[in-house]
PDB file of all heavy atoms in Angstrom:
ATOM      1  N   VAL A   1       0.814  -1.221   0.000  1.00  0.00           N
ATOM      2  CA  VAL A   1       0.000   0.000   0.000  1.00  0.00           C
ATOM      3  C   VAL A   1       0.842   1.263   0.000  1.00  0.00           C
ATOM      4  O   VAL A   1       0.336   2.357  -0.255  1.00  0.00           O
ATOM      5  CB  VAL A   1      -0.993   0.017   1.195  1.00  0.00           C
ATOM      6  CG1 VAL A   1      -1.884  -1.209   1.179  1.00  0.00           C
ATOM      7  CG2 VAL A   1      -0.254   0.127   2.525  1.00  0.00           C
ATOM      8  N   GLY A   2       2.150   1.127   0.318  1.00  0.00           N
ATOM      9  CA  GLY A   2       3.035   2.286   0.293  1.00  0.00           C
ATOM     10  C   GLY A   2       2.892   3.214   1.467  1.00  0.00           C
ATOM     11  O   GLY A   2       3.167   4.419   1.354  1.00  0.00           O
ATOM     12  N   SER A   3       2.489   2.679   2.605  1.00  0.00           N
ATOM     13  CA  SER A   3       2.429   3.494   3.825  1.00  0.00           C
ATOM     14  C   SER A   3       2.489   2.570   5.034  1.00  0.00           C
ATOM     15  O   SER A   3       2.163   1.387   4.945  1.00  0.00           O
ATOM     16  CB  SER A   3       1.146   4.328   3.873  1.00  0.00           C
ATOM     17  OG  SER A   3       0.010   3.491   3.991  1.00  0.00           O
ATOM     18  N   GLY A   4       2.910   3.162   6.149  1.00  0.00           N
ATOM     19  CA  GLY A   4       3.037   2.386   7.372  1.00  0.00           C
ATOM     20  C   GLY A   4       4.334   2.722   8.076  1.00  0.00           C
ATOM     21  O   GLY A   4       4.819   3.867   7.994  1.00  0.00           O
ATOM     22  N   PRO A   5       4.938   1.772   8.756  1.00  0.00           N
ATOM     23  CA  PRO A   5       6.190   2.028   9.473  1.00  0.00           C
ATOM     24  C   PRO A   5       7.298   2.477   8.516  1.00  0.00           C
ATOM     25  O   PRO A   5       7.351   2.038   7.366  1.00  0.00           O
ATOM     26  CB  PRO A   5       6.534   0.672  10.102  1.00  0.00           C
ATOM     27  CG  PRO A   5       5.249  -0.074  10.139  1.00  0.00           C
ATOM     28  CD  PRO A   5       4.475   0.388   8.939  1.00  0.00           C
ATOM     29  N   ASP A   6       8.178   3.334   9.021  1.00  0.00           N
ATOM     30  CA  ASP A   6       9.334   3.736   8.209  1.00  0.00           C
ATOM     31  C   ASP A   6      10.291   2.569   8.030  1.00  0.00           C
ATOM     32  O   ASP A   6      10.871   2.392   6.959  1.00  0.00           O
ATOM     33  CB  ASP A   6      10.062   4.904   8.887  1.00  0.00           C
ATOM     34  CG  ASP A   6       9.207   6.133   8.978  1.00  0.00           C
ATOM     35  OD1 ASP A   6       9.175   6.911   8.014  1.00  0.00           O
ATOM     36  OD2 ASP A   6       8.537   6.317  10.021  1.00  0.00           O
ATOM     37  N   LEU A   7      10.463   1.822   9.093  1.00  0.00           N
ATOM     38  CA  LEU A   7      11.351   0.668   9.008  1.00  0.00           C
ATOM     39  C   LEU A   7      10.806  -0.465   9.862  1.00  0.00           C
ATOM     40  O   LEU A   7      10.071  -0.242  10.826  1.00  0.00           O
ATOM     41  CB  LEU A   7      12.782   1.018   9.405  1.00  0.00           C
ATOM     42  CG  LEU A   7      13.074   1.444  10.838  1.00  0.00           C
ATOM     43  CD1 LEU A   7      13.615   0.272  11.648  1.00  0.00           C
ATOM     44  CD2 LEU A   7      14.086   2.587  10.846  1.00  0.00           C
ATOM     45  N   ILE A   8      11.167  -1.673   9.466  1.00  0.00           N
ATOM     46  CA  ILE A   8      10.644  -2.886  10.106  1.00  0.00           C
ATOM     47  C   ILE A   8      11.785  -3.844  10.405  1.00  0.00           C
ATOM     48  O   ILE A   8      12.708  -3.998   9.597  1.00  0.00           O
ATOM     49  CB  ILE A   8       9.601  -3.576   9.200  1.00  0.00           C
ATOM     50  CG1 ILE A   8       8.336  -2.714   9.098  1.00  0.00           C
ATOM     51  CG2 ILE A   8       9.246  -4.978   9.717  1.00  0.00           C
ATOM     52  CD1 ILE A   8       7.256  -3.287   8.190  1.00  0.00           C
ATOM     53  N   TYR A   9      11.730  -4.456  11.582  1.00  0.00           N
ATOM     54  CA  TYR A   9      12.603  -5.583  11.889  1.00  0.00           C
ATOM     55  C   TYR A   9      11.784  -6.843  11.621  1.00  0.00           C
ATOM     56  O   TYR A   9      10.942  -7.233  12.414  1.00  0.00           O
ATOM     57  CB  TYR A   9      13.068  -5.531  13.345  1.00  0.00           C
ATOM     58  CG  TYR A   9      14.122  -4.471  13.587  1.00  0.00           C
ATOM     59  CD1 TYR A   9      13.765  -3.167  13.941  1.00  0.00           C
ATOM     60  CD2 TYR A   9      15.480  -4.764  13.434  1.00  0.00           C
ATOM     61  CE1 TYR A   9      14.732  -2.191  14.146  1.00  0.00           C
ATOM     62  CE2 TYR A   9      16.442  -3.788  13.637  1.00  0.00           C
ATOM     63  CZ  TYR A   9      16.072  -2.506  13.992  1.00  0.00           C
ATOM     64  OH  TYR A   9      17.028  -1.530  14.197  1.00  0.00           O
ATOM     65  N   GLY A  10      12.025  -7.406  10.440  1.00  0.00           N
ATOM     66  CA  GLY A  10      11.231  -8.545  10.014  1.00  0.00           C
ATOM     67  C   GLY A  10      12.012  -9.839  10.061  1.00  0.00           C
ATOM     68  O   GLY A  10      13.055  -9.935  10.715  1.00  0.00           O
ATOM     69  N   TRP A  11      11.511 -10.844   9.332  1.00  0.00           N
ATOM     70  CA  TRP A  11      12.074 -12.184   9.396  1.00  0.00           C
ATOM     71  C   TRP A  11      12.696 -12.611   8.071  1.00  0.00           C
ATOM     72  O   TRP A  11      12.209 -12.278   6.989  1.00  0.00           O
ATOM     73  CB  TRP A  11      10.995 -13.199   9.767  1.00  0.00           C
ATOM     74  CG  TRP A  11      10.368 -13.009  11.102  1.00  0.00           C
ATOM     75  CD1 TRP A  11       9.031 -12.878  11.368  1.00  0.00           C
ATOM     76  CD2 TRP A  11      11.022 -12.944  12.373  1.00  0.00           C
ATOM     77  NE1 TRP A  11       8.824 -12.735  12.717  1.00  0.00           N
ATOM     78  CE2 TRP A  11      10.030 -12.772  13.362  1.00  0.00           C
ATOM     79  CE3 TRP A  11      12.355 -13.012  12.776  1.00  0.00           C
ATOM     80  CZ2 TRP A  11      10.327 -12.664  14.721  1.00  0.00           C
ATOM     81  CZ3 TRP A  11      12.663 -12.901  14.128  1.00  0.00           C
ATOM     82  CH2 TRP A  11      11.654 -12.732  15.084  1.00  0.00           C
ATOM     83  N   PHE A  12      13.729 -13.390   8.190  1.00  0.00           N
ATOM     84  CA  PHE A  12      14.313 -14.116   7.079  1.00  0.00           C
ATOM     85  C   PHE A  12      14.459 -13.246   5.827  1.00  0.00           C
ATOM     86  O   PHE A  12      15.130 -12.233   5.856  1.00  0.00           O
ATOM     87  CB  PHE A  12      13.499 -15.377   6.793  1.00  0.00           C
ATOM     88  CG  PHE A  12      13.604 -16.417   7.868  1.00  0.00           C
ATOM     89  CD1 PHE A  12      12.494 -16.785   8.614  1.00  0.00           C
ATOM     90  CD2 PHE A  12      14.819 -17.040   8.144  1.00  0.00           C
ATOM     91  CE1 PHE A  12      12.589 -17.753   9.610  1.00  0.00           C
ATOM     92  CE2 PHE A  12      14.924 -18.003   9.137  1.00  0.00           C
ATOM     93  CZ  PHE A  12      13.807 -18.363   9.872  1.00  0.00           C
ATOM     94  N   ASP A  13      13.787 -13.638   4.733  1.00  0.00           N
ATOM     95  CA  ASP A  13      13.996 -12.961   3.451  1.00  0.00           C
ATOM     96  C   ASP A  13      12.888 -11.981   3.102  1.00  0.00           C
ATOM     97  O   ASP A  13      12.633 -11.722   1.927  1.00  0.00           O
ATOM     98  CB  ASP A  13      14.149 -13.991   2.333  1.00  0.00           C
ATOM     99  CG  ASP A  13      12.996 -14.990   2.283  1.00  0.00           C
ATOM    100  OD1 ASP A  13      12.119 -14.918   3.162  1.00  0.00           O
ATOM    101  OD2 ASP A  13      12.977 -15.852   1.388  1.00  0.00           O
ATOM    102  N   ASP A  14      12.240 -11.416   4.100  1.00  0.00           N
ATOM    103  CA  ASP A  14      11.180 -10.445   3.824  1.00  0.00           C
ATOM    104  C   ASP A  14      11.605  -9.379   2.806  1.00  0.00           C
ATOM    105  O   ASP A  14      10.847  -9.095   1.871  1.00  0.00           O
ATOM    106  CB  ASP A  14      10.733  -9.754   5.120  1.00  0.00           C
ATOM    107  CG  ASP A  14       9.874 -10.643   6.003  1.00  0.00           C
ATOM    108  OD1 ASP A  14       9.454 -11.716   5.519  1.00  0.00           O
ATOM    109  OD2 ASP A  14       9.642 -10.294   7.167  1.00  0.00           O
ATOM    110  N   PRO A  15      12.790  -8.766   2.948  1.00  0.00           N
ATOM    111  CA  PRO A  15      13.155  -7.714   1.994  1.00  0.00           C
ATOM    112  C   PRO A  15      13.232  -8.189   0.546  1.00  0.00           C
ATOM    113  O   PRO A  15      13.025  -7.394  -0.383  1.00  0.00           O
ATOM    114  CB  PRO A  15      14.543  -7.265   2.483  1.00  0.00           C
ATOM    115  CG  PRO A  15      14.613  -7.676   3.908  1.00  0.00           C
ATOM    116  CD  PRO A  15      13.816  -8.935   3.991  1.00  0.00           C
ATOM    117  N   HIS A  16      13.489  -9.473   0.337  1.00  0.00           N
ATOM    118  CA  HIS A  16      13.633  -9.995  -1.017  1.00  0.00           C
ATOM    119  C   HIS A  16      12.291 -10.199  -1.715  1.00  0.00           C
ATOM    120  O   HIS A  16      12.259 -10.515  -2.909  1.00  0.00           O
ATOM    121  CB  HIS A  16      14.403 -11.319  -0.980  1.00  0.00           C
ATOM    122  CG  HIS A  16      15.819 -11.153  -0.526  1.00  0.00           C
ATOM    123  ND1 HIS A  16      16.881 -11.044  -1.397  1.00  0.00           N
ATOM    124  CD2 HIS A  16      16.355 -11.063   0.725  1.00  0.00           C
ATOM    125  CE1 HIS A  16      18.004 -10.902  -0.712  1.00  0.00           C
ATOM    126  NE2 HIS A  16      17.712 -10.917   0.581  1.00  0.00           N
ATOM    127  N   GLN A  17      11.202  -9.989  -0.986  1.00  0.00           N
ATOM    128  CA  GLN A  17       9.885 -10.106  -1.602  1.00  0.00           C
ATOM    129  C   GLN A  17       9.467  -8.823  -2.314  1.00  0.00           C
ATOM    130  O   GLN A  17       8.634  -8.857  -3.219  1.00  0.00           O
ATOM    131  CB  GLN A  17       8.839 -10.454  -0.535  1.00  0.00           C
ATOM    132  CG  GLN A  17       9.065 -11.782   0.135  1.00  0.00           C
ATOM    133  CD  GLN A  17       7.941 -12.086   1.104  1.00  0.00           C
ATOM    134  OE1 GLN A  17       6.816 -12.359   0.707  1.00  0.00           O
ATOM    135  NE2 GLN A  17       8.242 -12.027   2.389  1.00  0.00           N
ATOM    136  N   TYR A  18      10.032  -7.693  -1.863  1.00  0.00           N
ATOM    137  CA  TYR A  18       9.670  -6.410  -2.465  1.00  0.00           C
ATOM    138  C   TYR A  18      10.885  -5.472  -2.462  1.00  0.00           C
ATOM    139  O   TYR A  18      10.838  -4.356  -1.924  1.00  0.00           O
ATOM    140  CB  TYR A  18       8.513  -5.763  -1.690  1.00  0.00           C
ATOM    141  CG  TYR A  18       8.427  -6.158  -0.227  1.00  0.00           C
ATOM    142  CD1 TYR A  18       9.291  -5.607   0.728  1.00  0.00           C
ATOM    143  CD2 TYR A  18       7.498  -7.097   0.200  1.00  0.00           C
ATOM    144  CE1 TYR A  18       9.220  -5.988   2.055  1.00  0.00           C
ATOM    145  CE2 TYR A  18       7.420  -7.483   1.532  1.00  0.00           C
ATOM    146  CZ  TYR A  18       8.286  -6.918   2.453  1.00  0.00           C
ATOM    147  OH  TYR A  18       8.219  -7.301   3.775  1.00  0.00           O
ATOM    148  N   PRO A  19      11.993  -5.896  -3.077  1.00  0.00           N
ATOM    149  CA  PRO A  19      13.230  -5.106  -3.033  1.00  0.00           C
ATOM    150  C   PRO A  19      13.102  -3.732  -3.662  1.00  0.00           C
ATOM    151  O   PRO A  19      13.789  -2.788  -3.252  1.00  0.00           O
ATOM    152  CB  PRO A  19      14.234  -5.985  -3.798  1.00  0.00           C
ATOM    153  CG  PRO A  19      13.397  -6.865  -4.661  1.00  0.00           C
ATOM    154  CD  PRO A  19      12.154  -7.136  -3.866  1.00  0.00           C
ATOM    155  N   ASP A  20      12.220  -3.597  -4.663  1.00  0.00           N
ATOM    156  CA  ASP A  20      12.052  -2.309  -5.337  1.00  0.00           C
ATOM    157  C   ASP A  20      11.348  -1.284  -4.457  1.00  0.00           C
ATOM    158  O   ASP A  20      11.336  -0.095  -4.776  1.00  0.00           O
ATOM    159  CB  ASP A  20      11.272  -2.500  -6.642  1.00  0.00           C
ATOM    160  CG  ASP A  20       9.918  -3.138  -6.419  1.00  0.00           C
ATOM    161  OD1 ASP A  20       9.819  -4.070  -5.596  1.00  0.00           O
ATOM    162  OD2 ASP A  20       8.934  -2.706  -7.065  1.00  0.00           O
ATOM    163  N   LYS A  21      10.774  -1.726  -3.350  1.00  0.00           N
ATOM    164  CA  LYS A  21      10.065  -0.822  -2.447  1.00  0.00           C
ATOM    165  C   LYS A  21      10.964  -0.315  -1.306  1.00  0.00           C
ATOM    166  O   LYS A  21      10.519   0.466  -0.477  1.00  0.00           O
ATOM    167  CB  LYS A  21       8.855  -1.542  -1.813  1.00  0.00           C
ATOM    168  CG  LYS A  21       7.891  -2.169  -2.813  1.00  0.00           C
ATOM    169  CD  LYS A  21       7.137  -1.123  -3.598  1.00  0.00           C
ATOM    170  CE  LYS A  21       6.134  -1.757  -4.551  1.00  0.00           C
ATOM    171  NZ  LYS A  21       5.030  -2.431  -3.867  1.00  0.00           N
ATOM    172  N   LEU A  22      12.224  -0.761  -1.299  1.00  0.00           N
ATOM    173  CA  LEU A  22      13.089  -0.520  -0.141  1.00  0.00           C
ATOM    174  C   LEU A  22      14.226   0.447  -0.442  1.00  0.00           C
ATOM    175  O   LEU A  22      14.714   0.544  -1.570  1.00  0.00           O
ATOM    176  CB  LEU A  22      13.673  -1.845   0.349  1.00  0.00           C
ATOM    177  CG  LEU A  22      12.652  -2.916   0.738  1.00  0.00           C
ATOM    178  CD1 LEU A  22      13.361  -4.203   1.126  1.00  0.00           C
ATOM    179  CD2 LEU A  22      11.767  -2.422   1.886  1.00  0.00           C
ATOM    180  N   ILE A  23      14.652   1.135   0.609  1.00  0.00           N
ATOM    181  CA  ILE A  23      15.791   2.046   0.536  1.00  0.00           C
ATOM    182  C   ILE A  23      17.078   1.235   0.394  1.00  0.00           C
ATOM    183  O   ILE A  23      17.247   0.199   1.030  1.00  0.00           O
ATOM    184  CB  ILE A  23      15.864   2.918   1.811  1.00  0.00           C
ATOM    185  CG1 ILE A  23      14.647   3.847   1.897  1.00  0.00           C
ATOM    186  CG2 ILE A  23      17.157   3.725   1.866  1.00  0.00           C
ATOM    187  CD1 ILE A  23      14.522   4.561   3.230  1.00  0.00           C
ATOM    188  N   ASP A  24      17.989   1.708  -0.421  1.00  0.00           N
ATOM    189  CA  ASP A  24      19.310   1.088  -0.554  1.00  0.00           C
ATOM    190  C   ASP A  24      20.095   1.372   0.730  1.00  0.00           C
ATOM    191  O   ASP A  24      20.359   2.532   1.077  1.00  0.00           O
ATOM    192  CB  ASP A  24      20.024   1.672  -1.770  1.00  0.00           C
ATOM    193  CG  ASP A  24      21.381   1.014  -2.038  1.00  0.00           C
ATOM    194  OD1 ASP A  24      21.860   0.238  -1.183  1.00  0.00           O
ATOM    195  OD2 ASP A  24      21.972   1.299  -3.090  1.00  0.00           O
ATOM    196  N   LEU A  25      20.480   0.307   1.430  1.00  0.00           N
ATOM    197  CA  LEU A  25      21.199   0.440   2.701  1.00  0.00           C
ATOM    198  C   LEU A  25      22.670   0.081   2.562  1.00  0.00           C
ATOM    199  O   LEU A  25      23.339  -0.240   3.553  1.00  0.00           O
ATOM    200  CB  LEU A  25      20.547  -0.468   3.754  1.00  0.00           C
ATOM    201  CG  LEU A  25      19.075  -0.200   4.071  1.00  0.00           C
ATOM    202  CD1 LEU A  25      18.541  -1.264   5.043  1.00  0.00           C
ATOM    203  CD2 LEU A  25      18.890   1.193   4.674  1.00  0.00           C
ATOM    204  N   SER A  26      23.197   0.152   1.348  1.00  0.00           N
ATOM    205  CA  SER A  26      24.570  -0.278   1.118  1.00  0.00           C
ATOM    206  C   SER A  26      25.587   0.520   1.922  1.00  0.00           C
ATOM    207  O   SER A  26      26.595  -0.032   2.378  1.00  0.00           O
ATOM    208  CB  SER A  26      24.905  -0.194  -0.372  1.00  0.00           C
ATOM    209  OG  SER A  26      24.130  -1.116  -1.117  1.00  0.00           O
ATOM    210  N   ASP A  27      25.350   1.822   2.100  1.00  0.00           N
ATOM    211  CA  ASP A  27      26.304   2.606   2.887  1.00  0.00           C
ATOM    212  C   ASP A  27      26.354   2.102   4.320  1.00  0.00           C
ATOM    213  O   ASP A  27      27.426   1.996   4.927  1.00  0.00           O
ATOM    214  CB  ASP A  27      25.968   4.101   2.836  1.00  0.00           C
ATOM    215  CG  ASP A  27      24.521   4.429   3.138  1.00  0.00           C
ATOM    216  OD1 ASP A  27      23.695   3.500   3.288  1.00  0.00           O
ATOM    217  OD2 ASP A  27      24.186   5.625   3.216  1.00  0.00           O
ATOM    218  N   VAL A  28      25.199   1.742   4.878  1.00  0.00           N
ATOM    219  CA  VAL A  28      25.153   1.225   6.243  1.00  0.00           C
ATOM    220  C   VAL A  28      25.791  -0.157   6.329  1.00  0.00           C
ATOM    221  O   VAL A  28      26.623  -0.428   7.196  1.00  0.00           O
ATOM    222  CB  VAL A  28      23.697   1.155   6.758  1.00  0.00           C
ATOM    223  CG1 VAL A  28      23.644   0.546   8.154  1.00  0.00           C
ATOM    224  CG2 VAL A  28      23.067   2.549   6.761  1.00  0.00           C
ATOM    225  N   GLY A  29      25.420  -1.041   5.404  1.00  0.00           N
ATOM    226  CA  GLY A  29      25.954  -2.399   5.428  1.00  0.00           C
ATOM    227  C   GLY A  29      27.456  -2.442   5.234  1.00  0.00           C
ATOM    228  O   GLY A  29      28.162  -3.181   5.933  1.00  0.00           O
ATOM    229  N   ASN A  30      27.971  -1.643   4.292  1.00  0.00           N
ATOM    230  CA  ASN A  30      29.409  -1.629   4.043  1.00  0.00           C
ATOM    231  C   ASN A  30      30.175  -1.018   5.207  1.00  0.00           C
ATOM    232  O   ASN A  30      31.262  -1.493   5.565  1.00  0.00           O
ATOM    233  CB  ASN A  30      29.705  -0.859   2.750  1.00  0.00           C
ATOM    234  CG  ASN A  30      29.164  -1.575   1.524  1.00  0.00           C
ATOM    235  OD1 ASN A  30      28.998  -2.795   1.518  1.00  0.00           O
ATOM    236  ND2 ASN A  30      28.871  -0.825   0.476  1.00  0.00           N
ATOM    237  N   TYR A  31      29.619   0.027   5.779  1.00  0.00           N
ATOM    238  CA  TYR A  31      30.254   0.670   6.938  1.00  0.00           C
ATOM    239  C   TYR A  31      30.359  -0.289   8.119  1.00  0.00           C
ATOM    240  O   TYR A  31      31.426  -0.461   8.714  1.00  0.00           O
ATOM    241  CB  TYR A  31      29.443   1.905   7.325  1.00  0.00           C
ATOM    242  CG  TYR A  31      29.700   2.411   8.729  1.00  0.00           C
ATOM    243  CD1 TYR A  31      30.838   3.133   9.037  1.00  0.00           C
ATOM    244  CD2 TYR A  31      28.780   2.162   9.753  1.00  0.00           C
ATOM    245  CE1 TYR A  31      31.075   3.601  10.322  1.00  0.00           C
ATOM    246  CE2 TYR A  31      29.002   2.615  11.040  1.00  0.00           C
ATOM    247  CZ  TYR A  31      30.150   3.337  11.327  1.00  0.00           C
ATOM    248  OH  TYR A  31      30.378   3.779  12.612  1.00  0.00           O
ATOM    249  N   LEU A  32      29.249  -0.945   8.461  1.00  0.00           N
ATOM    250  CA  LEU A  32      29.254  -1.841   9.609  1.00  0.00           C
ATOM    251  C   LEU A  32      30.179  -3.035   9.378  1.00  0.00           C
ATOM    252  O   LEU A  32      30.909  -3.458  10.290  1.00  0.00           O
ATOM    253  CB  LEU A  32      27.828  -2.328   9.897  1.00  0.00           C
ATOM    254  CG  LEU A  32      26.854  -1.278  10.422  1.00  0.00           C
ATOM    255  CD1 LEU A  32      25.422  -1.835  10.442  1.00  0.00           C
ATOM    256  CD2 LEU A  32      27.252  -0.813  11.824  1.00  0.00           C
ATOM    257  N   GLY A  33      30.156  -3.577   8.160  1.00  0.00           N
ATOM    258  CA  GLY A  33      31.029  -4.704   7.865  1.00  0.00           C
ATOM    259  C   GLY A  33      32.495  -4.344   7.991  1.00  0.00           C
ATOM    260  O   GLY A  33      33.289  -5.116   8.548  1.00  0.00           O
ATOM    261  N   ALA A  34      32.863  -3.180   7.488  1.00  0.00           N
ATOM    262  CA  ALA A  34      34.261  -2.745   7.554  1.00  0.00           C
ATOM    263  C   ALA A  34      34.699  -2.470   8.985  1.00  0.00           C
ATOM    264  O   ALA A  34      35.834  -2.744   9.372  1.00  0.00           O
ATOM    265  CB  ALA A  34      34.457  -1.494   6.695  1.00  0.00           C
ATOM    266  N   LYS A  35      33.792  -1.942   9.776  1.00  0.00           N
ATOM    267  CA  LYS A  35      34.142  -1.553  11.151  1.00  0.00           C
ATOM    268  C   LYS A  35      34.167  -2.724  12.119  1.00  0.00           C
ATOM    269  O   LYS A  35      34.951  -2.741  13.071  1.00  0.00           O
ATOM    270  CB  LYS A  35      33.149  -0.500  11.646  1.00  0.00           C
ATOM    271  CG  LYS A  35      33.483   0.057  13.029  1.00  0.00           C
ATOM    272  CD  LYS A  35      32.567   1.208  13.398  1.00  0.00           C
ATOM    273  CE  LYS A  35      32.924   1.763  14.782  1.00  0.00           C
ATOM    274  NZ  LYS A  35      32.045   2.900  15.152  1.00  0.00           N
ATOM    275  N   TYR A  36      33.318  -3.733  11.876  1.00  0.00           N
ATOM    276  CA  TYR A  36      33.146  -4.791  12.868  1.00  0.00           C
ATOM    277  C   TYR A  36      33.544  -6.177  12.354  1.00  0.00           C
ATOM    278  O   TYR A  36      32.889  -7.169  12.639  1.00  0.00           O
ATOM    279  CB  TYR A  36      31.700  -4.789  13.376  1.00  0.00           C
ATOM    280  CG  TYR A  36      31.381  -3.543  14.179  1.00  0.00           C
ATOM    281  CD1 TYR A  36      30.523  -2.563  13.667  1.00  0.00           C
ATOM    282  CD2 TYR A  36      31.959  -3.326  15.421  1.00  0.00           C
ATOM    283  CE1 TYR A  36      30.248  -1.406  14.391  1.00  0.00           C
ATOM    284  CE2 TYR A  36      31.694  -2.167  16.142  1.00  0.00           C
ATOM    285  CZ  TYR A  36      30.844  -1.218  15.625  1.00  0.00           C
ATOM    286  OH  TYR A  36      30.575  -0.076  16.348  1.00  0.00           O
ATOM    287  N   GLY A  37      34.631  -6.228  11.617  1.00  0.00           N
ATOM    288  CA  GLY A  37      35.243  -7.508  11.278  1.00  0.00           C
ATOM    289  C   GLY A  37      34.588  -8.294  10.173  1.00  0.00           C
ATOM    290  O   GLY A  37      34.949  -9.448   9.923  1.00  0.00           O
ATOM    291  N   GLY A  38      33.619  -7.709   9.496  1.00  0.00           N
ATOM    292  CA  GLY A  38      32.940  -8.385   8.404  1.00  0.00           C
ATOM    293  C   GLY A  38      31.679  -9.105   8.857  1.00  0.00           C
ATOM    294  O   GLY A  38      31.493  -9.387  10.039  1.00  0.00           O
ATOM    295  N   TRP A  39      30.828  -9.400   7.885  1.00  0.00           N
ATOM    296  CA  TRP A  39      29.577 -10.107   8.123  1.00  0.00           C
ATOM    297  C   TRP A  39      29.782 -11.609   7.931  1.00  0.00           C
ATOM    298  O   TRP A  39      30.562 -12.025   7.086  1.00  0.00           O
ATOM    299  CB  TRP A  39      28.499  -9.650   7.143  1.00  0.00           C
ATOM    300  CG  TRP A  39      28.129  -8.205   7.227  1.00  0.00           C
ATOM    301  CD1 TRP A  39      28.715  -7.169   6.559  1.00  0.00           C
ATOM    302  CD2 TRP A  39      27.089  -7.625   8.018  1.00  0.00           C
ATOM    303  NE1 TRP A  39      28.098  -5.981   6.878  1.00  0.00           N
ATOM    304  CE2 TRP A  39      27.086  -6.228   7.779  1.00  0.00           C
ATOM    305  CE3 TRP A  39      26.137  -8.154   8.900  1.00  0.00           C
ATOM    306  CZ2 TRP A  39      26.195  -5.358   8.381  1.00  0.00           C
ATOM    307  CZ3 TRP A  39      25.235  -7.283   9.507  1.00  0.00           C
ATOM    308  CH2 TRP A  39      25.264  -5.910   9.242  1.00  0.00           C
ATOM    309  N   PHE A  40      29.084 -12.419   8.705  1.00  0.00           N
ATOM    310  CA  PHE A  40      29.072 -13.844   8.426  1.00  0.00           C
ATOM    311  C   PHE A  40      28.384 -14.061   7.080  1.00  0.00           C
ATOM    312  O   PHE A  40      27.471 -13.310   6.718  1.00  0.00           O
ATOM    313  CB  PHE A  40      28.356 -14.613   9.533  1.00  0.00           C
ATOM    314  CG  PHE A  40      29.141 -14.684  10.819  1.00  0.00           C
ATOM    315  CD1 PHE A  40      28.676 -14.070  11.963  1.00  0.00           C
ATOM    316  CD2 PHE A  40      30.360 -15.363  10.866  1.00  0.00           C
ATOM    317  CE1 PHE A  40      29.390 -14.115  13.146  1.00  0.00           C
ATOM    318  CE2 PHE A  40      31.083 -15.413  12.050  1.00  0.00           C
ATOM    319  CZ  PHE A  40      30.615 -14.792  13.190  1.00  0.00           C
ATOM    320  N   PRO A  41      28.805 -15.080   6.325  1.00  0.00           N
ATOM    321  CA  PRO A  41      28.266 -15.276   4.967  1.00  0.00           C
ATOM    322  C   PRO A  41      26.754 -15.296   4.893  1.00  0.00           C
ATOM    323  O   PRO A  41      26.160 -14.699   3.980  1.00  0.00           O
ATOM    324  CB  PRO A  41      28.871 -16.619   4.552  1.00  0.00           C
ATOM    325  CG  PRO A  41      30.174 -16.672   5.287  1.00  0.00           C
ATOM    326  CD  PRO A  41      29.894 -16.029   6.630  1.00  0.00           C
ATOM    327  N   VAL A  42      26.081 -15.968   5.817  1.00  0.00           N
ATOM    328  CA  VAL A  42      24.620 -16.062   5.736  1.00  0.00           C
ATOM    329  C   VAL A  42      23.965 -14.701   5.928  1.00  0.00           C
ATOM    330  O   VAL A  42      22.897 -14.431   5.373  1.00  0.00           O
ATOM    331  CB  VAL A  42      24.074 -17.082   6.749  1.00  0.00           C
ATOM    332  CG1 VAL A  42      24.111 -16.539   8.177  1.00  0.00           C
ATOM    333  CG2 VAL A  42      22.653 -17.511   6.388  1.00  0.00           C
TER     334      VAL A  42
END
């Protein structure tokens, strides 16, 4: 519907169901990975 919470802590692959509706978080993901030893593969 395009309205509701600004952000959600959801489950598993929820973001992969509607990726075109989501903000690109690459700056956050890359920053955290570089600062905290990298992400586990999963």
